[in-house]
Each structure stands twice: as C-alpha cells, then as structure tokens.
Protein backbone atom coordinates (compact mmCIF):
# COMPACT_ATOMS: atom_id res chain seq x y z
CA MET A 1 -25.30 -60.34 -53.70
CA ASN A 2 -23.23 -59.75 -50.87
CA SER A 3 -20.01 -58.15 -53.28
CA TYR A 4 -23.05 -55.57 -54.28
CA CYS A 5 -24.06 -54.57 -50.12
CA GLN A 6 -19.64 -54.47 -50.04
CA ASN A 7 -19.84 -52.51 -53.15
CA PHE A 8 -22.42 -50.38 -52.15
CA LEU A 9 -21.56 -50.17 -48.62
CA LEU A 10 -17.92 -48.72 -50.42
CA VAL A 11 -19.48 -46.35 -52.99
CA LEU A 12 -21.36 -44.91 -49.94
CA GLY A 13 -19.27 -44.48 -47.32
CA CYS A 14 -17.11 -42.47 -50.05
CA PHE A 15 -19.65 -40.31 -50.18
CA PHE A 16 -20.21 -39.82 -46.86
CA PHE A 17 -16.31 -38.79 -46.98
CA SER A 18 -16.61 -36.92 -49.56
CA VAL A 19 -18.82 -34.46 -47.91
CA SER A 20 -16.74 -34.26 -44.49
CA ALA A 21 -13.34 -34.04 -46.46
CA ASP A 22 -15.12 -30.65 -48.53
CA VAL A 23 -12.15 -27.45 -47.60
CA THR A 24 -13.74 -24.89 -46.72
CA LEU A 25 -12.42 -21.29 -45.87
CA ASP A 26 -12.94 -20.01 -42.43
CA PHE A 27 -11.15 -16.01 -40.88
CA ASP A 28 -11.37 -13.39 -38.40
CA PRO A 29 -12.45 -11.10 -37.72
CA GLU A 30 -15.59 -10.86 -39.92
CA SER A 31 -15.16 -6.67 -39.35
CA GLN A 32 -13.07 -4.25 -38.38
CA TYR A 33 -13.03 -0.71 -37.54
CA ILE A 34 -9.32 1.35 -37.97
CA GLU A 35 -7.65 4.16 -37.99
CA VAL A 36 -6.09 5.83 -41.04
CA ASN A 37 -2.43 5.25 -41.09
CA LYS A 38 -1.93 2.15 -38.81
CA ASN A 39 -1.78 -1.70 -39.65
CA GLY A 40 -4.60 -4.30 -39.58
CA SER A 41 -4.48 -8.13 -39.99
CA PHE A 42 -6.77 -11.03 -39.97
CA ASP A 43 -6.85 -15.05 -39.69
CA LEU A 44 -7.23 -17.04 -42.57
CA TRP A 45 -6.80 -21.18 -42.81
CA LEU A 46 -8.44 -24.39 -43.99
CA LYS A 47 -11.09 -26.59 -42.34
CA ASN A 48 -11.07 -30.24 -42.82
CA ALA A 49 -7.91 -30.21 -45.24
CA ASN A 50 -5.07 -32.24 -44.81
CA GLU A 51 -1.88 -31.47 -43.18
CA SER A 52 -0.32 -31.52 -46.92
CA SER A 53 -2.48 -29.56 -48.16
CA ILE A 54 -1.51 -26.26 -50.31
CA VAL A 55 -4.04 -23.67 -51.29
CA ASN A 56 -3.27 -20.56 -53.20
CA LEU A 57 -5.96 -17.52 -53.17
CA PHE A 58 -6.39 -14.48 -54.51
CA VAL A 59 -7.13 -11.79 -52.19
CA ASN A 60 -9.71 -8.97 -54.51
CA VAL A 61 -10.26 -5.93 -52.50
CA SER A 62 -13.26 -3.12 -53.58
CA THR A 63 -13.27 -0.01 -51.62
CA ASN A 64 -16.01 3.25 -51.52
CA ASN A 65 -12.62 5.57 -52.78
CA PRO A 66 -9.02 5.16 -53.66
CA ASN A 67 -6.22 3.86 -51.65
CA VAL A 68 -8.38 2.84 -48.32
CA ILE A 69 -6.21 -0.09 -48.24
CA TYR A 70 -2.79 -2.12 -49.20
CA ILE A 71 -2.31 -5.98 -48.75
CA GLN A 72 -0.45 -8.29 -51.07
CA ASP A 73 -2.26 -9.64 -54.21
CA VAL A 74 -2.24 -13.69 -52.84
CA VAL A 75 -2.64 -15.85 -50.04
CA VAL A 76 -0.76 -19.36 -49.58
CA LEU A 77 -2.88 -21.17 -47.45
CA PHE A 78 -1.36 -24.72 -45.41
CA GLY A 79 -2.35 -27.28 -44.08
CA THR A 80 -5.35 -26.61 -41.16
CA ASN A 81 -2.40 -24.17 -40.15
CA HIS A 82 -3.48 -20.39 -39.27
CA THR A 83 -2.37 -17.46 -41.36
CA SER A 84 -1.82 -14.05 -40.61
CA VAL A 85 -2.41 -11.56 -43.11
CA GLU A 86 -1.30 -7.91 -43.13
CA PHE A 87 -3.14 -4.40 -44.32
CA LEU A 88 -2.29 -0.71 -43.96
CA THR A 89 -4.53 1.77 -44.21
CA ASP A 90 -4.19 5.74 -46.19
CA GLN A 91 -7.45 6.84 -46.24
CA PRO A 92 -10.46 6.79 -44.90
CA GLY A 93 -13.26 4.96 -46.16
CA ASN A 94 -14.52 1.53 -46.28
CA ALA A 95 -13.40 -1.56 -48.06
CA ASP A 96 -14.43 -5.48 -48.96
CA ILE A 97 -11.99 -7.83 -49.35
CA THR A 98 -12.85 -11.74 -50.72
CA PHE A 99 -11.33 -14.34 -52.04
CA GLN A 100 -10.97 -16.46 -55.25
CA PHE A 101 -9.09 -19.82 -55.44
CA GLU A 102 -5.64 -19.50 -57.74
CA SER A 103 -4.84 -23.39 -58.01
CA ALA A 104 -5.14 -26.06 -54.91
CA TYR A 105 -2.48 -28.93 -53.99
CA ASN A 106 -3.77 -32.25 -52.40
CA VAL A 107 -6.98 -31.04 -51.20
CA SER A 108 -11.06 -31.63 -52.01
CA ILE A 109 -13.16 -28.97 -53.68
CA ASN A 110 -15.91 -28.48 -54.42
CA GLU A 111 -17.57 -26.19 -57.49
CA PHE A 112 -20.32 -25.40 -55.07
CA TYR A 113 -18.12 -23.86 -52.87
CA VAL A 114 -15.23 -22.32 -54.80
CA GLU A 115 -18.84 -20.50 -56.39
CA GLY A 116 -19.78 -19.48 -52.58
CA LEU A 117 -16.42 -17.86 -51.84
CA LYS A 118 -17.59 -14.52 -53.80
CA ASP A 119 -20.15 -14.98 -50.98
CA ASP A 120 -17.49 -14.58 -48.49
CA TYR A 121 -16.50 -10.78 -47.52
CA ILE A 122 -14.22 -9.31 -44.80
CA HIS A 123 -15.04 -5.92 -43.61
CA VAL A 124 -12.43 -3.67 -42.78
CA TYR A 125 -13.90 0.43 -41.98
CA VAL A 126 -11.25 2.94 -42.45
CA ILE A 127 -11.93 5.85 -39.89
CA ARG A 128 -10.09 9.31 -38.60
CA SER A 129 -10.84 8.45 -35.45
CA HIS A 130 -12.18 6.53 -32.87
CA PRO A 131 -12.84 9.02 -30.18
CA LEU A 132 -14.82 10.87 -33.00
CA ASP A 133 -16.37 7.26 -33.93
CA VAL A 134 -17.31 7.28 -30.37
CA PHE A 135 -18.69 10.35 -29.70
CA ASN A 136 -21.08 9.21 -32.84
CA ASP A 137 -22.32 6.53 -31.02
CA VAL A 138 -23.19 8.30 -28.03
CA VAL A 139 -25.39 10.79 -30.63
CA GLY A 140 -27.14 8.44 -32.37
CA TRP A 141 -28.17 6.27 -28.78
CA THR A 142 -28.92 9.88 -28.15
CA TYR A 143 -30.92 11.35 -30.91
CA PHE A 144 -33.12 7.53 -30.39
CA VAL A 145 -33.53 8.64 -26.57
CA ALA A 146 -35.07 12.22 -28.01
CA TRP A 147 -37.35 11.18 -30.68
CA SER A 148 -38.66 8.05 -28.56
CA VAL A 149 -39.23 10.00 -25.33
CA SER A 150 -41.25 12.40 -27.65
CA PHE A 151 -43.78 10.45 -28.36
CA TYR A 152 -44.81 10.15 -24.39
CA PRO A 153 -45.91 13.96 -23.23
CA GLN A 154 -48.52 13.46 -26.17
CA VAL A 155 -49.92 10.43 -24.60
CA PHE A 156 -49.95 12.09 -21.04
CA TYR A 157 -51.11 15.21 -22.57
CA ASN A 158 -54.09 13.64 -23.43
CA PHE A 159 -55.20 11.19 -20.34
CA GLN A 160 -54.65 14.09 -18.70
CA ARG A 161 -57.40 16.58 -20.29
CA ARG A 162 -59.33 13.40 -20.71
CA SER A 163 -59.44 14.88 -24.99
CA VAL A 164 -57.84 15.06 -27.97
CA VAL A 165 -59.14 18.18 -29.46
CA GLY A 166 -56.84 19.94 -30.97
CA LEU A 167 -54.95 17.04 -31.79
CA ASN A 168 -54.79 16.14 -35.08
CA PHE A 169 -56.50 13.11 -36.78
CA ASP A 170 -54.92 12.93 -39.96
CA PHE A 171 -51.47 13.74 -38.33
CA LEU A 172 -51.62 10.56 -36.48
CA ALA A 173 -52.74 8.57 -39.64
CA TYR A 174 -49.96 9.48 -41.46
CA ASN A 175 -47.11 8.98 -38.47
CA LEU A 176 -48.39 5.12 -38.65
CA LEU A 177 -48.02 4.53 -41.99
CA GLY A 178 -44.79 6.52 -42.26
CA PHE A 179 -43.49 4.44 -39.34
CA SER A 180 -44.18 1.61 -40.43
CA VAL A 181 -42.56 1.43 -43.57
CA TYR A 182 -40.22 3.52 -42.35
CA SER A 183 -39.67 -0.02 -39.77
CA ILE A 184 -39.53 -2.53 -42.89
CA PHE A 185 -37.07 -1.10 -44.46
CA ASN A 186 -33.99 -1.13 -41.26
CA VAL A 187 -35.35 -4.14 -40.62
CA GLY A 188 -34.40 -4.79 -43.51
CA LEU A 189 -31.10 -3.38 -44.13
CA TYR A 190 -30.31 -4.69 -40.63
CA TRP A 191 -31.41 -8.02 -40.15
CA ILE A 192 -32.57 -9.98 -43.24
CA PRO A 193 -28.96 -10.69 -44.69
CA GLU A 194 -30.14 -10.89 -48.48
CA ILE A 195 -31.41 -7.64 -48.47
CA GLN A 196 -28.27 -6.71 -46.63
CA ASP A 197 -26.43 -9.20 -49.88
CA GLU A 198 -28.59 -7.17 -51.88
CA TYR A 199 -26.90 -3.75 -50.64
CA ARG A 200 -23.83 -4.70 -50.74
CA ASP A 201 -23.51 -5.69 -53.76
CA GLU A 202 -24.44 -2.76 -55.45
CA ASN A 203 -22.87 -0.03 -52.73
CA PRO A 204 -19.07 -2.13 -53.03
CA GLY A 205 -17.65 -0.67 -49.18
CA GLN A 206 -20.15 1.47 -48.74
CA LEU A 207 -21.12 1.88 -44.83
CA SER A 208 -25.03 0.08 -43.66
CA PRO A 209 -27.29 4.06 -43.00
CA VAL A 210 -29.27 1.64 -40.68
CA LYS A 211 -27.91 1.52 -37.06
CA LEU A 212 -29.77 -0.48 -34.45
CA ASN A 213 -31.05 2.63 -33.15
CA ASP A 214 -32.85 3.29 -35.74
CA VAL A 215 -34.76 -0.10 -35.38
CA ILE A 216 -35.47 0.04 -32.08
CA PHE A 217 -36.55 3.77 -33.07
CA SER A 218 -38.55 2.62 -35.77
CA LEU A 219 -40.60 0.18 -34.21
CA HIS A 220 -40.94 1.92 -31.03
CA ALA A 221 -42.55 4.91 -32.72
CA VAL A 222 -45.18 2.46 -34.00
CA VAL A 223 -46.10 1.50 -31.21
CA LEU A 224 -47.07 4.92 -29.15
CA THR A 225 -48.78 5.57 -32.66
CA LEU A 226 -51.02 3.00 -31.99
CA ILE A 227 -51.27 3.83 -28.40
CA THR A 228 -52.14 7.10 -29.09
CA ILE A 229 -54.85 6.65 -31.65
CA THR A 230 -56.60 4.18 -29.32
CA GLN A 231 -57.28 7.11 -27.34
CA CYS A 232 -59.54 8.63 -29.73
CA PHE A 233 -61.35 6.03 -29.43
CA PHE A 234 -62.21 7.04 -25.89
CA PHE A 235 -61.17 10.53 -25.50
CA THR A 236 -63.30 13.72 -26.45
CA SER A 237 -62.49 14.38 -29.69
CA ASN A 238 -65.45 16.89 -30.94
CA ASN A 239 -66.63 14.56 -33.35
CA GLN A 240 -63.48 14.81 -35.52
CA THR A 241 -62.64 12.39 -38.31
CA ILE A 242 -59.52 11.98 -40.71
CA SER A 243 -59.87 14.09 -44.30
CA TRP A 244 -60.70 12.48 -47.57
CA PHE A 245 -56.72 13.34 -48.70
CA CYS A 246 -56.13 11.89 -46.25
CA ARG A 247 -57.58 8.96 -46.79
CA LEU A 248 -57.03 8.57 -50.41
CA PHE A 249 -53.17 8.86 -49.71
CA ILE A 250 -52.94 6.10 -47.68
CA VAL A 251 -55.16 4.28 -49.28
CA ILE A 252 -53.15 4.19 -52.40
CA SER A 253 -49.88 4.16 -50.28
CA LEU A 254 -50.75 0.52 -49.74
CA LEU A 255 -52.04 -0.78 -53.88
CA ILE A 256 -48.41 0.32 -53.87
CA ILE A 257 -46.85 -1.91 -51.39
CA MET A 258 -48.99 -4.69 -52.36
CA VAL A 259 -47.67 -4.38 -55.94
CA LEU A 260 -43.75 -3.44 -55.57
CA ALA A 261 -44.66 -6.80 -52.58
CA ILE A 262 -46.54 -8.75 -55.77
CA PHE A 263 -43.92 -8.55 -58.05
CA THR A 264 -40.86 -9.03 -55.88
CA ILE A 265 -41.89 -11.75 -54.57
CA THR A 266 -42.82 -13.11 -58.60
CA GLY A 267 -39.29 -12.08 -59.92
CA ASP A 268 -41.45 -11.39 -62.77
CA TYR A 269 -38.98 -7.70 -64.16
CA ALA A 270 -35.13 -8.08 -62.65
CA ASN A 271 -35.58 -4.72 -61.16
CA CYS A 272 -37.88 -5.76 -58.04
CA THR A 273 -34.97 -6.86 -56.06
CA TRP A 274 -35.70 -6.88 -52.27
CA LEU A 275 -32.92 -4.38 -51.70
CA ASN A 276 -34.88 -1.98 -53.97
CA PHE A 277 -38.76 -2.94 -52.53
CA VAL A 278 -37.64 -1.49 -48.89
CA ASN A 279 -36.35 1.51 -50.84
CA TRP A 280 -39.07 2.03 -52.96
CA ILE A 281 -41.70 2.24 -50.34
CA CYS A 282 -39.22 4.08 -48.01
CA TYR A 283 -40.17 6.82 -50.13
CA ILE A 284 -43.55 6.64 -48.93
CA LYS A 285 -42.21 8.15 -45.32
CA LEU A 286 -40.31 10.17 -47.13
CA ILE A 287 -43.74 11.78 -49.06
CA VAL A 288 -45.19 11.19 -44.91
CA SER A 289 -42.18 13.39 -43.81
CA PHE A 290 -42.87 16.45 -45.99
CA ILE A 291 -47.06 16.81 -45.83
CA LYS A 292 -47.88 15.45 -41.90
CA TYR A 293 -46.73 18.24 -39.89
CA VAL A 294 -48.65 20.39 -42.20
CA PRO A 295 -52.93 19.12 -41.13
CA GLN A 296 -51.79 20.06 -37.79
CA ALA A 297 -49.84 23.14 -38.43
CA TRP A 298 -52.94 24.55 -40.20
CA MET A 299 -55.12 23.73 -37.01
CA ASN A 300 -53.36 25.36 -34.88
CA TYR A 301 -53.62 28.04 -37.09
CA GLN A 302 -56.99 27.94 -37.77
CA ARG A 303 -58.14 27.35 -34.03
CA LYS A 304 -55.27 30.15 -33.47
CA SER A 305 -54.35 28.00 -30.74
CA THR A 306 -51.52 25.15 -29.77
CA ILE A 307 -53.92 23.67 -26.68
CA GLY A 308 -54.45 20.03 -27.67
CA TRP A 309 -51.04 19.88 -29.16
CA SER A 310 -48.20 18.49 -25.97
CA ILE A 311 -45.09 21.45 -26.86
CA GLY A 312 -43.36 18.62 -24.56
CA ASN A 313 -43.27 16.95 -27.88
CA VAL A 314 -42.16 19.38 -30.04
CA LEU A 315 -39.24 20.02 -28.58
CA LEU A 316 -37.64 16.53 -28.06
CA ASP A 317 -38.86 15.90 -31.81
CA CYS A 318 -36.54 19.44 -32.02
CA THR A 319 -33.51 18.17 -30.19
CA GLY A 320 -34.39 14.38 -32.09
CA GLY A 321 -33.70 15.39 -35.16
CA SER A 322 -30.83 17.87 -34.61
CA LEU A 323 -29.24 14.94 -33.03
CA SER A 324 -30.27 12.86 -36.54
CA ILE A 325 -28.77 15.27 -39.05
CA LEU A 326 -25.94 15.79 -36.77
CA GLN A 327 -24.85 11.61 -36.58
CA SER A 328 -25.69 11.19 -40.06
CA LEU A 329 -22.88 14.40 -41.41
CA LEU A 330 -20.70 12.62 -38.30
CA LEU A 331 -20.83 9.32 -39.98
CA SER A 332 -19.74 10.61 -42.95
CA TYR A 333 -17.46 12.74 -42.48
CA ASN A 334 -15.13 10.06 -40.61
CA SER A 335 -15.18 7.23 -42.88
CA ASP A 336 -15.55 9.04 -45.76
CA ASP A 337 -18.16 8.65 -46.88
CA TRP A 338 -20.13 11.11 -48.08
CA PRO A 339 -22.91 8.33 -50.69
CA SER A 340 -23.87 7.34 -47.18
CA LEU A 341 -25.94 10.49 -47.18
CA VAL A 342 -28.55 9.60 -49.78
CA ALA A 343 -28.09 6.26 -49.20
CA ASP A 344 -30.99 6.27 -46.98
CA PRO A 345 -32.57 10.04 -47.67
CA VAL A 346 -35.68 8.97 -45.25
CA LYS A 347 -33.79 9.62 -42.08
CA PHE A 348 -31.40 12.67 -43.05
CA GLY A 349 -34.76 14.02 -43.96
CA LEU A 350 -36.73 13.44 -41.78
CA GLY A 351 -34.11 15.16 -39.36
CA PHE A 352 -34.51 17.86 -41.88
CA LEU A 353 -38.30 18.09 -41.82
CA SER A 354 -38.31 17.29 -38.25
CA ILE A 355 -35.99 21.07 -37.80
CA VAL A 356 -38.41 23.19 -40.01
CA PHE A 357 -41.94 22.21 -38.96
CA ASP A 358 -41.00 22.27 -34.80
CA ILE A 359 -39.18 25.85 -34.86
CA LEU A 360 -43.19 26.66 -36.70
CA PHE A 361 -44.58 24.98 -33.67
CA MET A 362 -42.44 26.45 -31.42
CA ILE A 363 -43.41 30.21 -32.83
CA GLN A 364 -46.95 29.30 -32.40
CA HIS A 365 -47.28 27.86 -28.68
CA TYR A 366 -44.44 30.52 -27.77
CA VAL A 367 -45.10 33.36 -29.95
CA LEU A 368 -48.67 34.16 -31.89
CA TYR A 369 -50.98 31.95 -29.71
CA ARG A 370 -48.97 32.23 -25.89
CA HIS A 371 -51.26 33.89 -24.08
CA VAL A 372 -54.49 31.39 -25.19
CA ARG A 373 -55.64 29.08 -22.26
CA ASP A 374 -57.15 25.92 -22.15
CA PRO A 375 -60.90 26.11 -21.78
CA ASN A 376 -60.74 22.28 -20.47
CA ALA A 377 -58.46 22.92 -17.89
CA ARG A 378 -60.31 26.37 -16.68
CA GLU A 379 -63.52 24.40 -16.94
CA PHE A 380 -62.48 22.05 -14.21
CA ARG A 381 -60.70 24.67 -12.49
CA HIS A 382 -63.75 26.50 -12.24
CA SER A 383 -66.38 23.54 -11.53
CA VAL A 384 -63.26 22.59 -8.87
CA PHE A 385 -63.61 26.29 -7.15
CA GLN A 386 -67.59 25.93 -7.16
CA ASN A 387 -68.00 22.90 -5.47
CA GLU A 388 -65.71 24.24 -3.26
CA ASN A 389 -67.91 27.07 -2.40
CA ASP A 390 -71.23 25.54 -2.42
CA SER A 391 -69.72 23.04 -0.04
CA GLU A 392 -68.88 25.97 2.51
CA PHE A 393 -72.07 27.63 1.60
CA GLU A 394 -74.38 24.04 2.64
CA ARG A 395 -72.01 24.08 5.56
CA SER A 396 -72.56 27.64 6.13
CA ASN A 397 -76.45 27.17 6.37
CA LYS A 398 -76.17 24.55 8.44
CA THR A 399 -74.05 25.73 10.93
CA ALA A 400 -76.55 28.94 11.08
CA GLY A 401 -80.19 26.27 10.94
CA ASP A 402 -78.67 24.26 14.03
CA LEU A 403 -77.71 28.19 15.80
CA GLY A 404 -81.80 29.08 15.16
CA SER A 405 -83.13 25.80 16.32
CA THR A 406 -80.64 26.25 19.54
CA ILE A 407 -82.31 29.69 20.60
CA SER A 408 -85.66 29.10 19.78
CA PRO A 409 -88.25 28.30 22.17
C-alpha cells in the first residue's frame, strides 16, 4: 500500500513539474512605430528554460507592402538569455513578425504551445515621419472634440426654447440606430481580442482602422442622442411623430442584426465570424448616414425655415467631418496603407456625407431662410414687453388714483 502511494505521489509530482517546466516564448516590445530607413530591434527570450537549453526559431514576416523590413530568417535562443533581434526598414508599411520552432535541444515544449505560437506576433509600423504621426493624432482628437461637442448646441437650443419644433424626429431615430451599430463596430475592433485576431488574419500587416477617439466618440454620440430624444417627450413638439418609412427601416435593421447574431453565435455558416458580423451591421450605419439628413433638410424646405435646427451643431459637424477625412488620408499616406481607407468605410463615408449636408444646411440657414425669425423668441419678447407695459400702466393709474384722493375734499 505504501509503495502504491509513493508511486502515485511520484507521478503526481512529475506531472506538476512537467507543467511548470513547459517553456514559453516572450518578447518586448510587442509593437513599435519606426521611420523608414532606420534600424529597429526587439528582445526574445525563453521562460522556464534550462540554462543549457537551445531553441532555433524560424522568423516569418507578413507585410501589406513589399520590402517593408529586412530581418534574419532564423534566431537562436540560449537558455533564458535575452537575444536582441535587429531589422532594417526600407519602405513605409505594416509588418507582423511571427515565429515557428525549427528545433530544440534539452528543452520540453508541449505541442499545444507550439501551435499557440501562431498567435504570438510583433507589430512593426513603418511610417514616413514621426512628426506627421503626432500631427495626425492631434487631428484625430480635434475632430473627436468637434464631433462630440456638436451634439450639445441642439440640446441647449431645445432647452432654451422649451421646444423641439423644427427638429425632425426621423433624424434622431436614425442617429440612435446608426451610432449604436457604429459603437458595436468600434468596441469590437478596439477591445475584443477575438475580433482583433480575425482582422489581423484577414488583413495581415494592416493597421486597425479604429482608434480610441473613435470608440469614445460613438459611445458619447449614443448618450447625447438619448438625451435629445428624452427632451422630445417633455418639450413642445406639435405632435410630431416618426414616419412610417423610418419605423419600417429600423424594424428591418434590428431583424437583420438579430439574425446575423444568431448565425454568428451558432457557427452554422463559416462566413459568420464576429469580424464579419460587426462589418455587416456597420453597413447599416453607412446607409443611415446617406438618409438621416434627408428628413431634416426636407422639413427645413417645407417650413422655409431652419428654426429648431441648431446651426452650431451644423458648423461643428462640418469641422469634425473635414478633420475625420484628413486624419484618414494622413494615416494612409504616412504608413502607405491606402486599403485601410475602405477597411472603415463608415468613418470615411460619414465624414464625406456630413460635409455635403452641412453645406446644404448652411445655405438654408444663411442664404435661403436667413430672414426668418424664431416665433417662440418673438412671442417671448412680446409677452415680456407687454407685461412691462401693463405693469407701468397699473402703476400710473395707481399714482393718479392716489393723487385724486388726496385732492378730493
């Protein structure tokens, strides 16, 4: 009995020792930006390896453009020592460096980890200019501020007037749907590792089109749109409702999203990956961007007025759209990654369409209907003026009455 226990403990100890002894590969940094015609480097080392361990690694490079970087084909690692691997950049572009085991000596590496090496990679972004990259970041955050702030003038305008007359409800409904699916797209590509891995597999060496400011902007847009919709329930609206076409479009869009989500979750179709899911539903946002401004422009035309539609919103929206397009162009130029423009068609399309309709709204406001005044404001000023006159008249009558009573015998 004691011998069986001893053998069991020996096997158990060997199992835990083998688990702890599995060798893993580590590297630093995981990503880096570097200008063309400059040298770069990264460190590789083994964890849980013996000092006498030797591992040979094949180095594989996938790029979006030819001749982005030059690097050695094989790297030899000794024990746990850090090995510096240098490379030379030649052309702007994006490169993913992956590793494959060629051979190993005096080291225990399980098959699962060897397969897992496919998921380990180093990103190298070769750019034309670091100052241009910094300027591009500034442009990105500036358009984020402009687009984000553009929601506030309409909210304050509604509150000031205590009315949403002149603000089209279809526009708000389309905005809520569009920015909701756009948020799903941005959050997926920026924060969810599974979707990020699928994107890198389908677009080797390409930059992710989604930045942090894109995520914050889309989520912020959903919140501000909900606040504006809430105002419609409490302020004067002249019994305006959402059109039947808008309702039908929203219902069909939600059904499409639900069906695609079910197919993706069940995995019944090979093409129904999470990356394709966020890409497909994001085209709903692109369609919304085409049609959402039309009801508001048509309402302004019918009313021959832009009252109720904040011009501050239009000016900031035009600024944000212009800078959004500029950022996309600068990003593609700096890394010579022009296909990334179509990788996020919503961002580019949204910027372009917003500029077109903002120009139309500015023509309506400053040219066609510039002499129209807000009736709510006129009525307010008239009522205040009338109240002041009434008060003055009452004071005059009271003074005359007091004087008459004093003179009377």
